[in-house]
Amino acid sequence: MGKRKTFSIEKIILILKENEAGVPVVQLARQHGVAAGTIHRWKSKYGGMDVSEAKRLKELEEENAKLKKLLADTMLDNMALKDVLSKKW
C-alpha cells in the first residue's frame, strides 16, 4: 500500500468549498489523490464549517480522547484498589 496522505483542516475545507462551488466529487478526488468516499466522509464531518470551527472540533475531539483515557486509567486503578481491599489479611 502507498503512503497515506494527511490533509490539514484548511486543505479539507478548501476542497469541500470547491465541491460546494460545483466541482464534482469524482473530479476533486482525482485532482487531490483521494478516494471519493474520503471526500464524502469529510463532507459529513466538516460540511458547512469554516476553518476555525473545524479546528475547534478537532481540538475538542483530542481533548475528549485524553479525558476518556484518563477516565479509563482511573477506573482501572479503582478496580485494582477494590481488589486489594477485598482480600482478607
N, C-alpha and C. Protein backbone atom coordinates (compact mmCIF):
# COMPACT_ATOMS: atom_id res chain seq x y z
N MET A 1 0.84 -1.20 0.00
CA MET A 1 0.00 0.00 0.00
C MET A 1 0.88 1.25 0.00
N GLY A 2 0.35 2.31 -0.58
CA GLY A 2 1.08 3.56 -0.63
C GLY A 2 0.98 4.32 0.67
N LYS A 3 1.79 5.36 0.74
CA LYS A 3 1.78 6.19 1.94
C LYS A 3 0.47 6.99 1.98
N ARG A 4 -0.14 7.02 3.14
CA ARG A 4 -1.38 7.79 3.29
C ARG A 4 -1.07 9.27 3.32
N LYS A 5 -1.86 10.03 2.59
CA LYS A 5 -1.73 11.48 2.64
C LYS A 5 -2.54 11.98 3.82
N THR A 6 -2.01 12.96 4.48
CA THR A 6 -2.81 13.61 5.51
C THR A 6 -3.01 15.05 5.09
N PHE A 7 -4.23 15.48 5.16
CA PHE A 7 -4.57 16.83 4.75
C PHE A 7 -4.86 17.67 5.97
N SER A 8 -4.42 18.93 5.92
CA SER A 8 -4.72 19.85 7.00
C SER A 8 -6.21 20.18 6.94
N ILE A 9 -6.72 20.65 8.04
CA ILE A 9 -8.12 21.04 8.09
C ILE A 9 -8.39 22.15 7.05
N GLU A 10 -7.43 23.07 6.93
CA GLU A 10 -7.58 24.15 5.95
C GLU A 10 -7.77 23.58 4.54
N LYS A 11 -6.93 22.59 4.18
CA LYS A 11 -6.99 21.98 2.85
C LYS A 11 -8.32 21.24 2.66
N ILE A 12 -8.76 20.52 3.68
CA ILE A 12 -10.03 19.80 3.59
C ILE A 12 -11.18 20.78 3.35
N ILE A 13 -11.20 21.87 4.09
CA ILE A 13 -12.25 22.87 3.94
C ILE A 13 -12.21 23.47 2.54
N LEU A 14 -11.00 23.74 2.02
CA LEU A 14 -10.89 24.28 0.66
C LEU A 14 -11.45 23.30 -0.38
N ILE A 15 -11.14 22.02 -0.21
CA ILE A 15 -11.65 21.00 -1.12
C ILE A 15 -13.18 20.96 -1.06
N LEU A 16 -13.73 21.01 0.15
CA LEU A 16 -15.18 20.99 0.31
C LEU A 16 -15.83 22.25 -0.28
N LYS A 17 -15.16 23.38 -0.18
CA LYS A 17 -15.68 24.62 -0.77
C LYS A 17 -15.72 24.49 -2.29
N GLU A 18 -14.69 23.83 -2.88
CA GLU A 18 -14.69 23.60 -4.32
C GLU A 18 -15.92 22.77 -4.71
N ASN A 19 -16.22 21.76 -3.90
CA ASN A 19 -17.37 20.91 -4.18
C ASN A 19 -18.66 21.72 -4.09
N GLU A 20 -18.76 22.58 -3.08
CA GLU A 20 -19.95 23.42 -2.92
C GLU A 20 -20.10 24.36 -4.11
N ALA A 21 -18.96 24.74 -4.73
CA ALA A 21 -19.00 25.65 -5.88
C ALA A 21 -19.35 24.91 -7.16
N GLY A 22 -19.52 23.59 -7.08
CA GLY A 22 -19.98 22.85 -8.25
C GLY A 22 -19.00 21.86 -8.85
N VAL A 23 -17.79 21.75 -8.30
CA VAL A 23 -16.83 20.78 -8.83
C VAL A 23 -17.26 19.39 -8.35
N PRO A 24 -17.44 18.44 -9.28
CA PRO A 24 -17.89 17.09 -8.88
C PRO A 24 -16.89 16.38 -7.96
N VAL A 25 -17.43 15.55 -7.06
CA VAL A 25 -16.61 14.82 -6.10
C VAL A 25 -15.57 13.96 -6.82
N VAL A 26 -15.97 13.29 -7.90
CA VAL A 26 -15.05 12.41 -8.63
C VAL A 26 -13.85 13.20 -9.15
N GLN A 27 -14.12 14.39 -9.68
CA GLN A 27 -13.03 15.23 -10.20
C GLN A 27 -12.12 15.68 -9.06
N LEU A 28 -12.70 16.09 -7.94
CA LEU A 28 -11.90 16.52 -6.79
C LEU A 28 -11.04 15.37 -6.27
N ALA A 29 -11.64 14.18 -6.22
CA ALA A 29 -10.91 13.00 -5.73
C ALA A 29 -9.69 12.75 -6.60
N ARG A 30 -9.88 12.75 -7.91
CA ARG A 30 -8.77 12.51 -8.83
C ARG A 30 -7.71 13.61 -8.70
N GLN A 31 -8.16 14.84 -8.63
CA GLN A 31 -7.28 16.00 -8.57
C GLN A 31 -6.40 15.99 -7.31
N HIS A 32 -6.96 15.54 -6.19
CA HIS A 32 -6.24 15.60 -4.91
C HIS A 32 -5.69 14.24 -4.48
N GLY A 33 -5.93 13.21 -5.28
CA GLY A 33 -5.37 11.89 -4.99
C GLY A 33 -5.99 11.18 -3.79
N VAL A 34 -7.29 11.36 -3.62
CA VAL A 34 -8.00 10.67 -2.54
C VAL A 34 -9.20 9.94 -3.13
N ALA A 35 -9.77 9.04 -2.36
CA ALA A 35 -10.98 8.33 -2.80
C ALA A 35 -12.19 9.25 -2.67
N ALA A 36 -13.16 9.02 -3.53
CA ALA A 36 -14.40 9.80 -3.46
C ALA A 36 -15.06 9.60 -2.09
N GLY A 37 -14.95 8.40 -1.55
CA GLY A 37 -15.51 8.12 -0.22
C GLY A 37 -14.90 8.99 0.87
N THR A 38 -13.61 9.29 0.70
CA THR A 38 -12.93 10.15 1.67
C THR A 38 -13.55 11.54 1.66
N ILE A 39 -13.80 12.05 0.45
CA ILE A 39 -14.41 13.38 0.35
C ILE A 39 -15.82 13.37 0.94
N HIS A 40 -16.56 12.30 0.70
CA HIS A 40 -17.91 12.21 1.28
C HIS A 40 -17.83 12.15 2.82
N ARG A 41 -16.82 11.45 3.34
CA ARG A 41 -16.64 11.37 4.80
C ARG A 41 -16.30 12.75 5.36
N TRP A 42 -15.39 13.46 4.67
CA TRP A 42 -15.06 14.83 5.09
C TRP A 42 -16.31 15.70 5.08
N LYS A 43 -17.12 15.52 4.04
CA LYS A 43 -18.34 16.32 3.89
C LYS A 43 -19.27 16.11 5.07
N SER A 44 -19.42 14.84 5.47
CA SER A 44 -20.33 14.57 6.59
C SER A 44 -19.78 15.11 7.91
N LYS A 45 -18.46 15.16 8.01
CA LYS A 45 -17.86 15.63 9.26
C LYS A 45 -17.68 17.15 9.29
N TYR A 46 -17.19 17.72 8.19
CA TYR A 46 -16.82 19.14 8.17
C TYR A 46 -17.71 20.00 7.27
N GLY A 47 -18.70 19.41 6.60
CA GLY A 47 -19.52 20.16 5.65
C GLY A 47 -20.18 21.37 6.30
N GLY A 48 -20.08 22.52 5.66
CA GLY A 48 -20.71 23.74 6.14
C GLY A 48 -19.91 24.48 7.21
N MET A 49 -18.76 23.94 7.60
CA MET A 49 -17.94 24.61 8.62
C MET A 49 -16.91 25.51 7.96
N ASP A 50 -16.48 26.51 8.71
CA ASP A 50 -15.31 27.25 8.25
C ASP A 50 -14.10 26.69 8.99
N VAL A 51 -12.94 27.17 8.65
CA VAL A 51 -11.69 26.60 9.18
C VAL A 51 -11.63 26.67 10.70
N SER A 52 -12.03 27.81 11.28
CA SER A 52 -11.93 27.95 12.74
C SER A 52 -12.85 26.96 13.46
N GLU A 53 -14.04 26.73 12.91
CA GLU A 53 -14.97 25.77 13.52
C GLU A 53 -14.40 24.35 13.43
N ALA A 54 -13.82 24.02 12.28
CA ALA A 54 -13.26 22.68 12.10
C ALA A 54 -12.07 22.47 13.03
N LYS A 55 -11.25 23.50 13.20
CA LYS A 55 -10.11 23.39 14.13
C LYS A 55 -10.60 23.17 15.55
N ARG A 56 -11.63 23.90 15.93
CA ARG A 56 -12.19 23.76 17.28
C ARG A 56 -12.74 22.36 17.49
N LEU A 57 -13.41 21.82 16.46
CA LEU A 57 -13.92 20.45 16.53
C LEU A 57 -12.77 19.47 16.76
N LYS A 58 -11.69 19.64 16.03
CA LYS A 58 -10.54 18.75 16.16
C LYS A 58 -9.94 18.85 17.58
N GLU A 59 -9.82 20.08 18.09
CA GLU A 59 -9.31 20.27 19.45
C GLU A 59 -10.20 19.57 20.47
N LEU A 60 -11.51 19.72 20.31
CA LEU A 60 -12.44 19.09 21.25
C LEU A 60 -12.37 17.56 21.17
N GLU A 61 -12.20 17.03 19.96
CA GLU A 61 -12.07 15.58 19.80
C GLU A 61 -10.80 15.07 20.49
N GLU A 62 -9.70 15.83 20.35
CA GLU A 62 -8.44 15.43 21.00
C GLU A 62 -8.58 15.50 22.52
N GLU A 63 -9.21 16.56 23.03
CA GLU A 63 -9.42 16.69 24.47
C GLU A 63 -10.30 15.56 24.99
N ASN A 64 -11.34 15.24 24.24
CA ASN A 64 -12.25 14.16 24.62
C ASN A 64 -11.51 12.83 24.70
N ALA A 65 -10.63 12.57 23.73
CA ALA A 65 -9.86 11.32 23.74
C ALA A 65 -8.96 11.25 24.97
N LYS A 66 -8.33 12.38 25.33
CA LYS A 66 -7.47 12.41 26.52
C LYS A 66 -8.28 12.14 27.79
N LEU A 67 -9.46 12.77 27.86
CA LEU A 67 -10.31 12.58 29.04
C LEU A 67 -10.81 11.15 29.15
N LYS A 68 -11.15 10.53 28.01
CA LYS A 68 -11.59 9.13 28.03
C LYS A 68 -10.47 8.23 28.53
N LYS A 69 -9.25 8.49 28.09
CA LYS A 69 -8.10 7.69 28.53
C LYS A 69 -7.88 7.87 30.04
N LEU A 70 -7.96 9.11 30.48
CA LEU A 70 -7.79 9.40 31.91
C LEU A 70 -8.86 8.69 32.73
N LEU A 71 -10.10 8.72 32.26
CA LEU A 71 -11.19 8.03 32.95
C LEU A 71 -10.94 6.53 33.00
N ALA A 72 -10.52 5.95 31.88
CA ALA A 72 -10.26 4.51 31.83
C ALA A 72 -9.13 4.14 32.80
N ASP A 73 -8.06 4.94 32.82
CA ASP A 73 -6.95 4.67 33.74
C ASP A 73 -7.41 4.76 35.20
N THR A 74 -8.22 5.76 35.51
CA THR A 74 -8.72 5.94 36.87
C THR A 74 -9.62 4.77 37.28
N MET A 75 -10.46 4.33 36.34
CA MET A 75 -11.35 3.20 36.64
C MET A 75 -10.54 1.92 36.88
N LEU A 76 -9.48 1.74 36.11
CA LEU A 76 -8.61 0.58 36.28
C LEU A 76 -7.92 0.61 37.65
N ASP A 77 -7.41 1.78 38.02
CA ASP A 77 -6.79 1.94 39.34
C ASP A 77 -7.81 1.64 40.45
N ASN A 78 -9.01 2.14 40.28
CA ASN A 78 -10.08 1.95 41.26
C ASN A 78 -10.39 0.45 41.42
N MET A 79 -10.48 -0.26 40.29
CA MET A 79 -10.75 -1.70 40.34
C MET A 79 -9.61 -2.44 41.06
N ALA A 80 -8.38 -2.04 40.78
CA ALA A 80 -7.23 -2.68 41.42
C ALA A 80 -7.26 -2.46 42.93
N LEU A 81 -7.58 -1.23 43.35
CA LEU A 81 -7.66 -0.93 44.78
C LEU A 81 -8.77 -1.73 45.46
N LYS A 82 -9.92 -1.82 44.81
CA LYS A 82 -11.03 -2.60 45.37
C LYS A 82 -10.64 -4.07 45.49
N ASP A 83 -9.92 -4.57 44.50
CA ASP A 83 -9.47 -5.97 44.52
C ASP A 83 -8.53 -6.21 45.70
N VAL A 84 -7.60 -5.29 45.90
CA VAL A 84 -6.65 -5.44 47.02
C VAL A 84 -7.37 -5.35 48.34
N LEU A 85 -8.30 -4.40 48.47
CA LEU A 85 -9.02 -4.22 49.73
C LEU A 85 -9.98 -5.37 50.03
N SER A 86 -10.45 -6.06 49.01
CA SER A 86 -11.40 -7.15 49.24
C SER A 86 -10.72 -8.43 49.75
N LYS A 87 -9.42 -8.52 49.56
CA LYS A 87 -8.70 -9.72 50.04
C LYS A 87 -8.57 -9.66 51.56
N LYS A 88 -8.71 -10.81 52.18
CA LYS A 88 -8.60 -10.87 53.65
C LYS A 88 -7.13 -10.94 54.03
N TRP A 89 -6.77 -10.22 55.06
CA TRP A 89 -5.37 -10.20 55.52
C TRP A 89 -5.23 -11.07 56.70
